[in-house]
Structures are given as structure tokens and as C-alpha cells.
Amino acid sequence: MKKLPLLFVLLASAIRCSAVQAGDDAHFIGKVAVEWLDDDPFIPRMRLLEDFGFQDARGKSWIARKDALLDGRSLPLVFRDMFGPAFQGQYRKTSVLYDHYCRAMTEQWPDVHRLFYAAAIAEGVDDTEARLMYMALYAGGLRWEMKGSSCFRGCHASAAALTWKPEIQDLDLRPISGWIRQSAPELDAIDARLNEVIRKPGPHIFVQRRD
């Protein structure tokens, strides 16, 4: 077996080091500065007083702009039952960004769920806990169609917005939670496992059957 040229070895090593460094570069941008709004006594709402964001490991910036409104209702009931309400605990900053993008719907919903996982890790959430949070969001969190998609151009052309939430039973999540705690699966594997038990995975008024 021939030895690899030294230059090739050094180049490969440099690429590996760059990849590791890129994975460690995820970080928040700015700080969370908000004011409480008193316009609705039943729904606590806040307004951002300055831009706040997160840069993921790929270098993509996720920015919630000044004056963005937040109410925390983007976190589904299954998430709140497992981890508590938004803007508390060790995922407060992450909740701000997730809530903003669920309201703005300017990015694909699967990417926003991945944002929550990456930001939660950067905020200091344990990796297993972050995977369980991701599971809860994928299982019950808001989903939407982007404007201009084939679904909008077709059967929902007259809709101003196209959002829905999947339906799932708590009993379906228990074995998945145990599997995540034991095996720490990749996010794609979590998606696949959840897709087997989720009802209403698409933007329709009826509950879709599983074959």
C-alpha cells in the first residue's frame, strides 16, 4: 500500500480541524432585551427592544429583529408538559428565536426545529435533553407551508397562511423517549421514528390515516 504524500495528509488534517472548529462556532448574537406588553391580560406578550440572534455551526445567522413580538405559544403542550413554559429554565434564549420564527414563518419548519436543538445545545442544555426537546417539537409543534410552495399554488391557493400541528398520543412518545435516552439517535432517526406514529403530518383539515 502506497503512503499518502505528506502534503495530502496535512491538507486532510487541516480540513478535519476546520470542520471541528466550525462545529464549535455556534453562538448567540447580542442579548435578549424585552418589554412586557399589557394589551391582553390573558396572554403575556413581549416586544424585543433590540436585535437578537444565533449563528449556527454552518455559519447561518438566525435573527429576531427589534420590535418582534413574542408570546411563547409556539411551544406545544407536549413540550410544556415535559419541560415547562417558554422563556424559563436553560432554554430561554432558544425559546425567543423559536417563537419568533414560528410567528414569522420565513424559514422551513424542519429547519426551525433544528435551530431549536442547535441553540439549546449552545445555551447549555444537556445533549440528551435537547434531543428530547426536539422530539417534543417535532411531535406537536407548529408546521407551515412557505409562500409559493406547490401546496399554496394548488389546493390552498386562497389561504393567507397555511399552518397546522401534527397529532400524536402521549403513549406513542413514551417508548421513543426511552429510546432517545438510551441510544442518543441522530435527529434524522428521531424524525423517522416519529413519522411512524404522527397523525395529520400535512396541511389538511382531516386526520390522515397511517397505512
N, C-alpha and C. Protein backbone atom coordinates (compact mmCIF):
# COMPACT_ATOMS: atom_id res chain seq x y z
N MET A 1 0.85 -1.20 0.00
CA MET A 1 0.00 0.00 0.00
C MET A 1 0.89 1.25 0.00
N LYS A 2 0.60 2.17 -0.94
CA LYS A 2 1.43 3.36 -1.05
C LYS A 2 1.12 4.33 0.07
N LYS A 3 2.18 5.02 0.51
CA LYS A 3 1.99 6.06 1.52
C LYS A 3 1.44 7.31 0.85
N LEU A 4 0.54 8.00 1.54
CA LEU A 4 -0.02 9.23 1.00
C LEU A 4 1.02 10.33 1.07
N PRO A 5 1.07 11.19 0.07
CA PRO A 5 2.00 12.32 0.10
C PRO A 5 1.78 13.16 1.35
N LEU A 6 2.85 13.69 1.89
CA LEU A 6 2.78 14.47 3.11
C LEU A 6 1.84 15.66 2.96
N LEU A 7 1.86 16.31 1.79
CA LEU A 7 1.02 17.48 1.57
C LEU A 7 -0.46 17.10 1.67
N PHE A 8 -0.80 15.93 1.11
CA PHE A 8 -2.19 15.46 1.15
C PHE A 8 -2.62 15.20 2.59
N VAL A 9 -1.73 14.56 3.37
CA VAL A 9 -2.03 14.27 4.76
C VAL A 9 -2.27 15.55 5.55
N LEU A 10 -1.39 16.54 5.33
CA LEU A 10 -1.52 17.81 6.04
C LEU A 10 -2.81 18.53 5.65
N LEU A 11 -3.16 18.46 4.36
CA LEU A 11 -4.38 19.11 3.88
C LEU A 11 -5.61 18.46 4.49
N ALA A 12 -5.62 17.13 4.53
CA ALA A 12 -6.76 16.41 5.11
C ALA A 12 -6.90 16.74 6.58
N SER A 13 -5.77 16.82 7.27
CA SER A 13 -5.80 17.15 8.69
C SER A 13 -6.35 18.55 8.91
N ALA A 14 -5.96 19.48 8.05
CA ALA A 14 -6.44 20.86 8.18
C ALA A 14 -7.94 20.94 7.96
N ILE A 15 -8.45 20.14 7.00
CA ILE A 15 -9.88 20.13 6.72
C ILE A 15 -10.65 19.60 7.92
N ARG A 16 -10.12 18.52 8.53
CA ARG A 16 -10.78 17.95 9.70
C ARG A 16 -10.81 18.95 10.85
N CYS A 17 -9.70 19.63 11.05
CA CYS A 17 -9.64 20.62 12.13
C CYS A 17 -10.62 21.76 11.88
N SER A 18 -10.72 22.18 10.60
CA SER A 18 -11.65 23.26 10.26
C SER A 18 -13.08 22.84 10.52
N ALA A 19 -13.38 21.57 10.21
CA ALA A 19 -14.74 21.07 10.43
C ALA A 19 -15.08 21.04 11.90
N VAL A 20 -14.13 20.59 12.72
CA VAL A 20 -14.36 20.57 14.16
C VAL A 20 -14.56 21.97 14.70
N GLN A 21 -13.72 22.90 14.22
CA GLN A 21 -13.83 24.27 14.68
C GLN A 21 -15.17 24.88 14.29
N ALA A 22 -15.62 24.57 13.05
CA ALA A 22 -16.90 25.10 12.60
C ALA A 22 -18.03 24.61 13.49
N GLY A 23 -17.96 23.36 13.93
CA GLY A 23 -18.99 22.81 14.79
C GLY A 23 -19.01 23.46 16.15
N ASP A 24 -17.89 24.05 16.57
CA ASP A 24 -17.80 24.70 17.87
C ASP A 24 -18.12 26.19 17.80
N ASP A 25 -18.39 26.71 16.60
CA ASP A 25 -18.55 28.14 16.43
C ASP A 25 -19.97 28.62 16.61
N ALA A 26 -20.93 27.74 16.87
CA ALA A 26 -22.31 28.17 17.08
C ALA A 26 -22.38 29.07 18.30
N HIS A 27 -23.04 30.21 18.16
CA HIS A 27 -23.09 31.14 19.27
C HIS A 27 -24.27 32.11 19.11
N PHE A 28 -24.67 32.70 20.23
CA PHE A 28 -25.74 33.69 20.21
C PHE A 28 -25.16 35.06 19.84
N ILE A 29 -26.02 35.89 19.28
CA ILE A 29 -25.63 37.22 18.82
C ILE A 29 -26.45 38.25 19.60
N GLY A 30 -25.79 39.07 20.38
CA GLY A 30 -26.49 40.08 21.16
C GLY A 30 -27.08 39.50 22.44
N LYS A 31 -28.01 40.21 23.01
CA LYS A 31 -28.66 39.78 24.25
C LYS A 31 -30.16 39.96 24.12
N VAL A 32 -30.90 39.27 24.97
CA VAL A 32 -32.36 39.38 24.95
C VAL A 32 -32.76 40.57 25.82
N ALA A 33 -33.32 41.59 25.18
CA ALA A 33 -33.84 42.76 25.89
C ALA A 33 -35.29 42.93 25.46
N VAL A 34 -36.21 42.87 26.41
CA VAL A 34 -37.64 42.90 26.07
C VAL A 34 -38.40 43.85 26.99
N GLU A 35 -39.60 44.19 26.56
CA GLU A 35 -40.55 44.90 27.42
C GLU A 35 -41.86 44.12 27.40
N TRP A 36 -42.51 44.03 28.55
CA TRP A 36 -43.80 43.37 28.63
C TRP A 36 -44.87 44.27 28.06
N LEU A 37 -45.83 43.67 27.36
CA LEU A 37 -46.97 44.40 26.80
C LEU A 37 -48.22 44.07 27.62
N ASP A 38 -49.05 45.07 27.86
CA ASP A 38 -50.25 44.89 28.67
C ASP A 38 -51.52 44.95 27.84
N ASP A 39 -51.42 44.66 26.53
CA ASP A 39 -52.59 44.80 25.68
C ASP A 39 -53.57 43.64 25.80
N ASP A 40 -53.12 42.51 26.35
CA ASP A 40 -54.01 41.37 26.54
C ASP A 40 -53.73 40.77 27.92
N PRO A 41 -54.68 40.86 28.86
CA PRO A 41 -54.42 40.38 30.22
C PRO A 41 -54.32 38.86 30.33
N PHE A 42 -54.77 38.14 29.29
CA PHE A 42 -54.79 36.68 29.34
C PHE A 42 -53.61 36.04 28.63
N ILE A 43 -52.95 36.78 27.76
CA ILE A 43 -51.80 36.24 27.01
C ILE A 43 -50.61 37.16 27.25
N PRO A 44 -49.64 36.75 28.06
CA PRO A 44 -48.46 37.59 28.29
C PRO A 44 -47.62 37.72 27.02
N ARG A 45 -47.40 38.95 26.61
CA ARG A 45 -46.64 39.18 25.39
C ARG A 45 -45.48 40.12 25.67
N MET A 46 -44.43 40.00 24.86
CA MET A 46 -43.25 40.84 24.98
C MET A 46 -42.87 41.38 23.61
N ARG A 47 -42.11 42.47 23.64
CA ARG A 47 -41.55 43.04 22.41
C ARG A 47 -40.04 43.13 22.58
N LEU A 48 -39.31 42.68 21.56
CA LEU A 48 -37.86 42.81 21.61
C LEU A 48 -37.46 44.26 21.47
N LEU A 49 -36.54 44.69 22.30
CA LEU A 49 -36.06 46.07 22.28
C LEU A 49 -34.81 46.24 21.41
N GLU A 50 -34.20 45.13 21.04
CA GLU A 50 -33.05 45.17 20.13
C GLU A 50 -32.93 43.83 19.42
N ASP A 51 -32.17 43.81 18.35
CA ASP A 51 -31.98 42.58 17.60
C ASP A 51 -31.33 41.52 18.48
N PHE A 52 -31.73 40.29 18.27
CA PHE A 52 -31.12 39.16 18.97
C PHE A 52 -31.07 37.99 18.00
N GLY A 53 -29.97 37.21 18.07
CA GLY A 53 -29.86 36.13 17.10
C GLY A 53 -28.94 35.00 17.52
N PHE A 54 -28.73 34.12 16.57
CA PHE A 54 -27.91 32.92 16.78
C PHE A 54 -27.25 32.57 15.46
N GLN A 55 -25.97 32.26 15.51
CA GLN A 55 -25.26 31.78 14.33
C GLN A 55 -24.97 30.30 14.51
N ASP A 56 -25.48 29.47 13.60
CA ASP A 56 -25.31 28.03 13.76
C ASP A 56 -23.95 27.58 13.25
N ALA A 57 -23.67 26.30 13.36
CA ALA A 57 -22.35 25.77 13.02
C ALA A 57 -22.03 25.89 11.54
N ARG A 58 -23.05 26.03 10.71
CA ARG A 58 -22.84 26.20 9.27
C ARG A 58 -22.58 27.66 8.89
N GLY A 59 -22.71 28.55 9.87
CA GLY A 59 -22.50 29.97 9.61
C GLY A 59 -23.77 30.73 9.28
N LYS A 60 -24.92 30.07 9.32
CA LYS A 60 -26.19 30.74 9.04
C LYS A 60 -26.62 31.55 10.26
N SER A 61 -27.03 32.78 10.04
CA SER A 61 -27.49 33.64 11.12
C SER A 61 -29.02 33.63 11.19
N TRP A 62 -29.52 33.44 12.39
CA TRP A 62 -30.96 33.47 12.66
C TRP A 62 -31.22 34.70 13.54
N ILE A 63 -31.94 35.68 13.00
CA ILE A 63 -32.07 36.96 13.70
C ILE A 63 -33.53 37.28 13.96
N ALA A 64 -33.84 37.56 15.22
CA ALA A 64 -35.13 38.13 15.60
C ALA A 64 -34.91 39.64 15.74
N ARG A 65 -35.60 40.39 14.91
CA ARG A 65 -35.34 41.83 14.84
C ARG A 65 -36.03 42.60 15.96
N LYS A 66 -35.49 43.76 16.21
CA LYS A 66 -36.09 44.69 17.17
C LYS A 66 -37.57 44.89 16.83
N ASP A 67 -38.41 44.95 17.85
CA ASP A 67 -39.87 45.13 17.76
C ASP A 67 -40.62 43.84 17.43
N ALA A 68 -39.90 42.73 17.29
CA ALA A 68 -40.59 41.45 17.10
C ALA A 68 -41.41 41.14 18.34
N LEU A 69 -42.60 40.58 18.15
CA LEU A 69 -43.50 40.24 19.26
C LEU A 69 -43.33 38.77 19.63
N LEU A 70 -43.42 38.48 20.92
CA LEU A 70 -43.24 37.13 21.42
C LEU A 70 -44.32 36.83 22.44
N ASP A 71 -44.84 35.59 22.41
CA ASP A 71 -45.80 35.20 23.44
C ASP A 71 -45.59 33.77 23.94
N GLY A 72 -44.66 33.05 23.36
CA GLY A 72 -44.33 31.71 23.85
C GLY A 72 -45.32 30.63 23.48
N ARG A 73 -46.39 30.97 22.76
CA ARG A 73 -47.40 29.97 22.45
C ARG A 73 -46.96 29.00 21.35
N SER A 74 -45.81 29.26 20.75
CA SER A 74 -45.31 28.34 19.72
C SER A 74 -44.90 26.99 20.31
N LEU A 75 -44.52 26.97 21.58
CA LEU A 75 -44.15 25.70 22.20
C LEU A 75 -45.41 24.87 22.44
N PRO A 76 -45.48 23.66 21.89
CA PRO A 76 -46.70 22.86 22.01
C PRO A 76 -46.91 22.35 23.42
N LEU A 77 -48.13 21.89 23.68
CA LEU A 77 -48.48 21.42 25.01
C LEU A 77 -47.59 20.27 25.45
N VAL A 78 -47.27 19.37 24.54
CA VAL A 78 -46.43 18.22 24.92
C VAL A 78 -45.06 18.70 25.40
N PHE A 79 -44.54 19.77 24.80
CA PHE A 79 -43.26 20.33 25.24
C PHE A 79 -43.39 20.93 26.62
N ARG A 80 -44.44 21.73 26.82
CA ARG A 80 -44.62 22.40 28.12
C ARG A 80 -44.87 21.40 29.24
N ASP A 81 -45.55 20.31 28.92
CA ASP A 81 -45.77 19.27 29.92
C ASP A 81 -44.45 18.62 30.36
N MET A 82 -43.52 18.48 29.42
CA MET A 82 -42.26 17.81 29.70
C MET A 82 -41.21 18.73 30.28
N PHE A 83 -41.18 19.99 29.82
CA PHE A 83 -40.04 20.87 30.15
C PHE A 83 -40.44 22.21 30.78
N GLY A 84 -41.70 22.54 30.75
CA GLY A 84 -42.12 23.82 31.30
C GLY A 84 -42.39 24.85 30.21
N PRO A 85 -42.85 26.04 30.58
CA PRO A 85 -43.20 27.08 29.60
C PRO A 85 -41.98 27.72 28.96
N ALA A 86 -42.27 28.51 27.96
CA ALA A 86 -41.20 29.23 27.25
C ALA A 86 -40.56 30.28 28.15
N PHE A 87 -39.35 30.70 27.76
CA PHE A 87 -38.64 31.80 28.40
C PHE A 87 -38.28 31.51 29.85
N GLN A 88 -38.20 30.22 30.20
CA GLN A 88 -37.76 29.83 31.53
C GLN A 88 -36.69 28.76 31.40
N GLY A 89 -36.00 28.51 32.51
CA GLY A 89 -35.01 27.44 32.52
C GLY A 89 -33.82 27.75 31.64
N GLN A 90 -33.21 26.67 31.16
CA GLN A 90 -31.94 26.80 30.44
C GLN A 90 -32.11 26.97 28.94
N TYR A 91 -33.34 27.16 28.47
CA TYR A 91 -33.59 27.32 27.04
C TYR A 91 -34.34 28.62 26.77
N ARG A 92 -34.13 29.63 27.60
CA ARG A 92 -34.86 30.89 27.46
C ARG A 92 -34.52 31.60 26.15
N LYS A 93 -33.22 31.74 25.87
CA LYS A 93 -32.83 32.44 24.65
C LYS A 93 -33.26 31.66 23.42
N THR A 94 -33.16 30.34 23.50
CA THR A 94 -33.58 29.49 22.40
C THR A 94 -35.07 29.67 22.13
N SER A 95 -35.87 29.78 23.20
CA SER A 95 -37.32 29.96 23.05
C SER A 95 -37.65 31.25 22.32
N VAL A 96 -36.87 32.29 22.56
CA VAL A 96 -37.11 33.57 21.88
C VAL A 96 -36.99 33.40 20.38
N LEU A 97 -35.93 32.75 19.93
CA LEU A 97 -35.72 32.58 18.50
C LEU A 97 -36.75 31.64 17.90
N TYR A 98 -37.05 30.55 18.58
CA TYR A 98 -38.03 29.60 18.07
C TYR A 98 -39.40 30.26 17.95
N ASP A 99 -39.80 31.00 18.97
CA ASP A 99 -41.10 31.67 18.96
C ASP A 99 -41.16 32.67 17.81
N HIS A 100 -40.08 33.41 17.62
CA HIS A 100 -40.06 34.40 16.55
C HIS A 100 -40.24 33.75 15.18
N TYR A 101 -39.49 32.68 14.91
CA TYR A 101 -39.55 32.08 13.58
C TYR A 101 -40.85 31.31 13.36
N CYS A 102 -41.48 30.84 14.43
CA CYS A 102 -42.80 30.23 14.27
C CYS A 102 -43.85 31.29 13.93
N ARG A 103 -43.65 32.51 14.38
CA ARG A 103 -44.57 33.60 14.03
C ARG A 103 -44.27 34.15 12.64
N ALA A 104 -42.99 34.28 12.32
CA ALA A 104 -42.60 34.89 11.04
C ALA A 104 -42.79 33.92 9.87
N MET A 105 -42.51 32.64 10.10
CA MET A 105 -42.63 31.60 9.07
C MET A 105 -41.85 31.95 7.80
N THR A 106 -40.66 32.51 7.99
CA THR A 106 -39.81 32.87 6.86
C THR A 106 -38.78 31.79 6.54
N GLU A 107 -38.75 30.74 7.35
CA GLU A 107 -37.87 29.60 7.12
C GLU A 107 -38.70 28.33 7.17
N GLN A 108 -38.18 27.25 6.57
CA GLN A 108 -38.90 25.98 6.60
C GLN A 108 -39.04 25.48 8.04
N TRP A 109 -40.22 24.92 8.37
CA TRP A 109 -40.43 24.49 9.76
C TRP A 109 -39.43 23.43 10.21
N PRO A 110 -39.00 22.45 9.37
CA PRO A 110 -38.00 21.50 9.87
C PRO A 110 -36.69 22.18 10.26
N ASP A 111 -36.32 23.24 9.51
CA ASP A 111 -35.08 23.97 9.82
C ASP A 111 -35.21 24.72 11.14
N VAL A 112 -36.41 25.22 11.44
CA VAL A 112 -36.63 25.94 12.70
C VAL A 112 -36.55 24.97 13.88
N HIS A 113 -37.03 23.75 13.70
CA HIS A 113 -36.89 22.73 14.75
C HIS A 113 -35.42 22.40 14.98
N ARG A 114 -34.66 22.29 13.90
CA ARG A 114 -33.22 22.02 14.04
C ARG A 114 -32.52 23.20 14.71
N LEU A 115 -32.99 24.41 14.41
CA LEU A 115 -32.45 25.61 15.08
C LEU A 115 -32.61 25.48 16.59
N PHE A 116 -33.79 25.03 17.04
CA PHE A 116 -34.01 24.92 18.48
C PHE A 116 -33.00 23.96 19.09
N TYR A 117 -32.77 22.83 18.46
CA TYR A 117 -31.83 21.85 19.00
C TYR A 117 -30.42 22.45 19.10
N ALA A 118 -29.95 23.07 18.01
CA ALA A 118 -28.60 23.63 17.99
C ALA A 118 -28.45 24.76 19.01
N ALA A 119 -29.45 25.63 19.09
CA ALA A 119 -29.37 26.76 20.02
C ALA A 119 -29.45 26.28 21.46
N ALA A 120 -30.27 25.26 21.72
CA ALA A 120 -30.37 24.73 23.08
C ALA A 120 -29.03 24.16 23.54
N ILE A 121 -28.35 23.45 22.65
CA ILE A 121 -27.02 22.93 22.97
C ILE A 121 -26.07 24.09 23.29
N ALA A 122 -26.10 25.13 22.45
CA ALA A 122 -25.23 26.28 22.66
C ALA A 122 -25.56 27.00 23.97
N GLU A 123 -26.82 26.92 24.38
CA GLU A 123 -27.23 27.61 25.61
C GLU A 123 -26.87 26.81 26.85
N GLY A 124 -26.46 25.55 26.65
CA GLY A 124 -26.01 24.75 27.78
C GLY A 124 -26.92 23.60 28.16
N VAL A 125 -27.95 23.33 27.36
CA VAL A 125 -28.84 22.21 27.63
C VAL A 125 -28.09 20.91 27.36
N ASP A 126 -28.27 19.93 28.22
CA ASP A 126 -27.67 18.61 28.03
C ASP A 126 -28.11 18.02 26.69
N ASP A 127 -27.20 17.31 26.03
CA ASP A 127 -27.48 16.82 24.67
C ASP A 127 -28.70 15.90 24.64
N THR A 128 -28.81 14.99 25.59
CA THR A 128 -29.97 14.10 25.63
C THR A 128 -31.25 14.90 25.84
N GLU A 129 -31.21 15.86 26.74
CA GLU A 129 -32.37 16.70 27.00
C GLU A 129 -32.74 17.49 25.75
N ALA A 130 -31.75 17.98 25.03
CA ALA A 130 -32.01 18.74 23.80
C ALA A 130 -32.66 17.85 22.75
N ARG A 131 -32.25 16.59 22.66
CA ARG A 131 -32.88 15.66 21.71
C ARG A 131 -34.34 15.40 22.10
N LEU A 132 -34.61 15.30 23.40
CA LEU A 132 -35.99 15.10 23.85
C LEU A 132 -36.83 16.34 23.56
N MET A 133 -36.24 17.52 23.72
CA MET A 133 -36.95 18.74 23.37
C MET A 133 -37.27 18.76 21.88
N TYR A 134 -36.29 18.37 21.08
CA TYR A 134 -36.51 18.30 19.64
C TYR A 134 -37.63 17.33 19.31
N MET A 135 -37.65 16.18 19.98
CA MET A 135 -38.71 15.20 19.78
C MET A 135 -40.08 15.82 20.05
N ALA A 136 -40.21 16.55 21.16
CA ALA A 136 -41.48 17.15 21.53
C ALA A 136 -41.93 18.18 20.50
N LEU A 137 -41.00 18.97 19.98
CA LEU A 137 -41.35 19.96 18.97
C LEU A 137 -41.76 19.30 17.66
N TYR A 138 -41.03 18.28 17.25
CA TYR A 138 -41.36 17.59 16.00
C TYR A 138 -42.71 16.89 16.12
N ALA A 139 -43.00 16.38 17.31
CA ALA A 139 -44.24 15.62 17.52
C ALA A 139 -45.47 16.50 17.63
N GLY A 140 -45.32 17.71 18.18
CA GLY A 140 -46.51 18.53 18.41
C GLY A 140 -46.39 19.98 18.03
N GLY A 141 -45.24 20.40 17.52
CA GLY A 141 -45.01 21.80 17.22
C GLY A 141 -45.67 22.27 15.94
N LEU A 142 -45.76 23.58 15.81
CA LEU A 142 -46.37 24.19 14.64
C LEU A 142 -45.58 23.86 13.37
N ARG A 143 -46.33 23.59 12.28
CA ARG A 143 -45.73 23.40 10.96
C ARG A 143 -46.43 24.34 9.99
N TRP A 144 -45.76 24.66 8.91
CA TRP A 144 -46.34 25.59 7.95
C TRP A 144 -45.78 25.35 6.56
N GLU A 145 -46.54 25.84 5.58
CA GLU A 145 -46.09 25.85 4.20
C GLU A 145 -45.55 27.24 3.88
N MET A 146 -44.44 27.27 3.15
CA MET A 146 -43.88 28.55 2.73
C MET A 146 -44.69 29.10 1.56
N LYS A 147 -44.83 30.39 1.51
CA LYS A 147 -45.49 31.03 0.38
C LYS A 147 -44.79 30.64 -0.93
N GLY A 148 -45.58 30.35 -1.95
CA GLY A 148 -45.01 29.98 -3.23
C GLY A 148 -44.78 28.51 -3.40
N SER A 149 -45.06 27.70 -2.37
CA SER A 149 -44.88 26.26 -2.48
C SER A 149 -45.96 25.67 -3.38
N SER A 150 -45.76 24.44 -3.81
CA SER A 150 -46.73 23.79 -4.69
C SER A 150 -48.07 23.62 -3.99
N CYS A 151 -48.04 23.44 -2.66
CA CYS A 151 -49.29 23.29 -1.91
C CYS A 151 -50.10 24.59 -1.92
N PHE A 152 -49.42 25.72 -1.80
CA PHE A 152 -50.11 27.00 -1.88
C PHE A 152 -50.65 27.23 -3.29
N ARG A 153 -49.87 26.88 -4.29
CA ARG A 153 -50.30 27.12 -5.67
C ARG A 153 -51.44 26.19 -6.06
N GLY A 154 -51.59 25.08 -5.35
CA GLY A 154 -52.61 24.11 -5.71
C GLY A 154 -53.86 24.25 -4.88
N CYS A 155 -54.03 23.31 -3.92
CA CYS A 155 -55.30 23.20 -3.22
C CYS A 155 -55.52 24.29 -2.18
N HIS A 156 -54.49 25.09 -1.83
CA HIS A 156 -54.67 26.13 -0.82
C HIS A 156 -54.29 27.50 -1.37
N ALA A 157 -54.59 27.74 -2.62
CA ALA A 157 -54.16 28.97 -3.28
C ALA A 157 -54.77 30.21 -2.63
N SER A 158 -55.96 30.09 -2.05
CA SER A 158 -56.64 31.26 -1.49
C SER A 158 -56.29 31.51 -0.02
N ALA A 159 -55.50 30.65 0.58
CA ALA A 159 -55.19 30.77 2.01
C ALA A 159 -54.17 31.89 2.25
N ALA A 160 -54.44 32.69 3.30
CA ALA A 160 -53.48 33.74 3.66
C ALA A 160 -52.25 33.14 4.32
N ALA A 161 -52.45 32.08 5.09
CA ALA A 161 -51.36 31.35 5.73
C ALA A 161 -51.79 29.89 5.84
N LEU A 162 -50.83 29.02 5.86
CA LEU A 162 -51.12 27.59 5.89
C LEU A 162 -50.31 26.95 7.01
N THR A 163 -50.96 26.76 8.14
CA THR A 163 -50.29 26.19 9.32
C THR A 163 -51.10 25.03 9.87
N TRP A 164 -50.44 24.16 10.57
CA TRP A 164 -51.12 23.03 11.22
C TRP A 164 -50.20 22.46 12.29
N LYS A 165 -50.77 21.61 13.13
CA LYS A 165 -49.98 20.89 14.11
C LYS A 165 -50.27 19.40 13.97
N PRO A 166 -49.24 18.58 14.04
CA PRO A 166 -49.47 17.14 13.98
C PRO A 166 -50.20 16.66 15.22
N GLU A 167 -50.73 15.46 15.15
CA GLU A 167 -51.43 14.88 16.30
C GLU A 167 -50.74 13.58 16.69
N ILE A 168 -50.56 13.41 17.99
CA ILE A 168 -49.86 12.23 18.48
C ILE A 168 -50.34 11.94 19.90
N GLN A 169 -50.33 10.70 20.28
CA GLN A 169 -50.74 10.30 21.62
C GLN A 169 -49.52 10.25 22.55
N ASP A 170 -49.74 10.61 23.82
CA ASP A 170 -48.65 10.56 24.79
C ASP A 170 -48.05 9.15 24.88
N LEU A 171 -48.90 8.14 24.75
CA LEU A 171 -48.41 6.76 24.85
C LEU A 171 -47.44 6.44 23.72
N ASP A 172 -47.61 7.10 22.58
CA ASP A 172 -46.70 6.86 21.45
C ASP A 172 -45.31 7.44 21.72
N LEU A 173 -45.24 8.48 22.56
CA LEU A 173 -43.97 9.15 22.80
C LEU A 173 -43.13 8.46 23.87
N ARG A 174 -43.76 7.72 24.75
CA ARG A 174 -43.01 7.12 25.86
C ARG A 174 -41.90 6.19 25.40
N PRO A 175 -42.17 5.24 24.50
CA PRO A 175 -41.06 4.39 24.05
C PRO A 175 -40.00 5.14 23.27
N ILE A 176 -40.41 6.20 22.57
CA ILE A 176 -39.45 7.00 21.81
C ILE A 176 -38.55 7.77 22.76
N SER A 177 -39.14 8.28 23.84
CA SER A 177 -38.33 8.99 24.85
C SER A 177 -37.29 8.06 25.46
N GLY A 178 -37.70 6.83 25.79
CA GLY A 178 -36.75 5.87 26.35
C GLY A 178 -35.65 5.52 25.37
N TRP A 179 -36.02 5.37 24.12
CA TRP A 179 -35.03 5.07 23.06
C TRP A 179 -34.01 6.20 22.92
N ILE A 180 -34.48 7.45 22.98
CA ILE A 180 -33.57 8.60 22.87
C ILE A 180 -32.62 8.64 24.06
N ARG A 181 -33.14 8.41 25.26
CA ARG A 181 -32.29 8.42 26.45
C ARG A 181 -31.23 7.32 26.40
N GLN A 182 -31.57 6.19 25.85
CA GLN A 182 -30.66 5.05 25.84
C GLN A 182 -29.67 5.09 24.69
N SER A 183 -30.13 5.56 23.50
CA SER A 183 -29.32 5.41 22.29
C SER A 183 -28.77 6.71 21.72
N ALA A 184 -29.30 7.87 22.16
CA ALA A 184 -28.87 9.17 21.61
C ALA A 184 -28.85 9.14 20.08
N PRO A 185 -29.99 8.84 19.44
CA PRO A 185 -30.02 8.73 17.97
C PRO A 185 -29.84 10.08 17.29
N GLU A 186 -29.47 10.04 16.01
CA GLU A 186 -29.37 11.25 15.22
C GLU A 186 -30.77 11.84 15.01
N LEU A 187 -30.82 13.13 14.69
CA LEU A 187 -32.11 13.79 14.53
C LEU A 187 -32.91 13.20 13.38
N ASP A 188 -32.24 12.81 12.31
CA ASP A 188 -32.94 12.18 11.19
C ASP A 188 -33.63 10.90 11.64
N ALA A 189 -32.99 10.15 12.51
CA ALA A 189 -33.58 8.91 13.01
C ALA A 189 -34.78 9.21 13.90
N ILE A 190 -34.69 10.29 14.68
CA ILE A 190 -35.84 10.69 15.51
C ILE A 190 -37.01 11.08 14.62
N ASP A 191 -36.74 11.83 13.56
CA ASP A 191 -37.79 12.19 12.61
C ASP A 191 -38.48 10.94 12.08
N ALA A 192 -37.69 9.98 11.63
CA ALA A 192 -38.24 8.77 11.03
C ALA A 192 -39.10 7.99 12.02
N ARG A 193 -38.63 7.90 13.25
CA ARG A 193 -39.39 7.16 14.27
C ARG A 193 -40.71 7.87 14.56
N LEU A 194 -40.69 9.18 14.65
CA LEU A 194 -41.91 9.93 14.92
C LEU A 194 -42.88 9.88 13.75
N ASN A 195 -42.35 9.87 12.54
CA ASN A 195 -43.22 9.83 11.36
C ASN A 195 -44.08 8.56 11.34
N GLU A 196 -43.65 7.53 12.05
CA GLU A 196 -44.41 6.29 12.09
C GLU A 196 -45.65 6.40 12.95
N VAL A 197 -45.69 7.35 13.88
CA VAL A 197 -46.81 7.43 14.83
C VAL A 197 -47.58 8.75 14.75
N ILE A 198 -47.08 9.72 14.01
CA ILE A 198 -47.74 11.02 13.92
C ILE A 198 -48.95 10.93 13.00
N ARG A 199 -50.04 11.52 13.45
CA ARG A 199 -51.20 11.73 12.60
C ARG A 199 -51.22 13.19 12.16
N LYS A 200 -51.91 13.43 11.06
CA LYS A 200 -52.02 14.77 10.49
C LYS A 200 -50.63 15.36 10.24
N PRO A 201 -49.80 14.71 9.44
CA PRO A 201 -48.47 15.25 9.15
C PRO A 201 -48.46 16.37 8.12
N GLY A 202 -49.61 16.56 7.42
CA GLY A 202 -49.64 17.56 6.36
C GLY A 202 -50.70 18.62 6.59
N PRO A 203 -50.75 19.62 5.72
CA PRO A 203 -51.65 20.78 5.90
C PRO A 203 -53.06 20.50 5.44
N HIS A 204 -53.78 19.63 6.15
CA HIS A 204 -55.13 19.28 5.75
C HIS A 204 -56.05 19.33 6.96
N ILE A 205 -57.31 19.54 6.69
CA ILE A 205 -58.27 19.67 7.78
C ILE A 205 -58.66 18.32 8.36
N PHE A 206 -58.36 17.23 7.64
CA PHE A 206 -58.73 15.92 8.12
C PHE A 206 -57.51 15.21 8.69
N VAL A 207 -57.76 14.24 9.57
CA VAL A 207 -56.68 13.44 10.15
C VAL A 207 -56.32 12.34 9.16
N GLN A 208 -55.06 12.28 8.78
CA GLN A 208 -54.63 11.30 7.80
C GLN A 208 -54.37 9.95 8.47
N ARG A 209 -54.78 8.92 7.79
CA ARG A 209 -54.58 7.58 8.33
C ARG A 209 -53.16 7.10 8.08
N ARG A 210 -52.72 6.20 8.96
CA ARG A 210 -51.44 5.54 8.75
C ARG A 210 -51.71 4.18 8.14
N ASP A 211 -50.97 3.82 7.11
CA ASP A 211 -51.13 2.51 6.49
C ASP A 211 -50.53 1.41 7.38
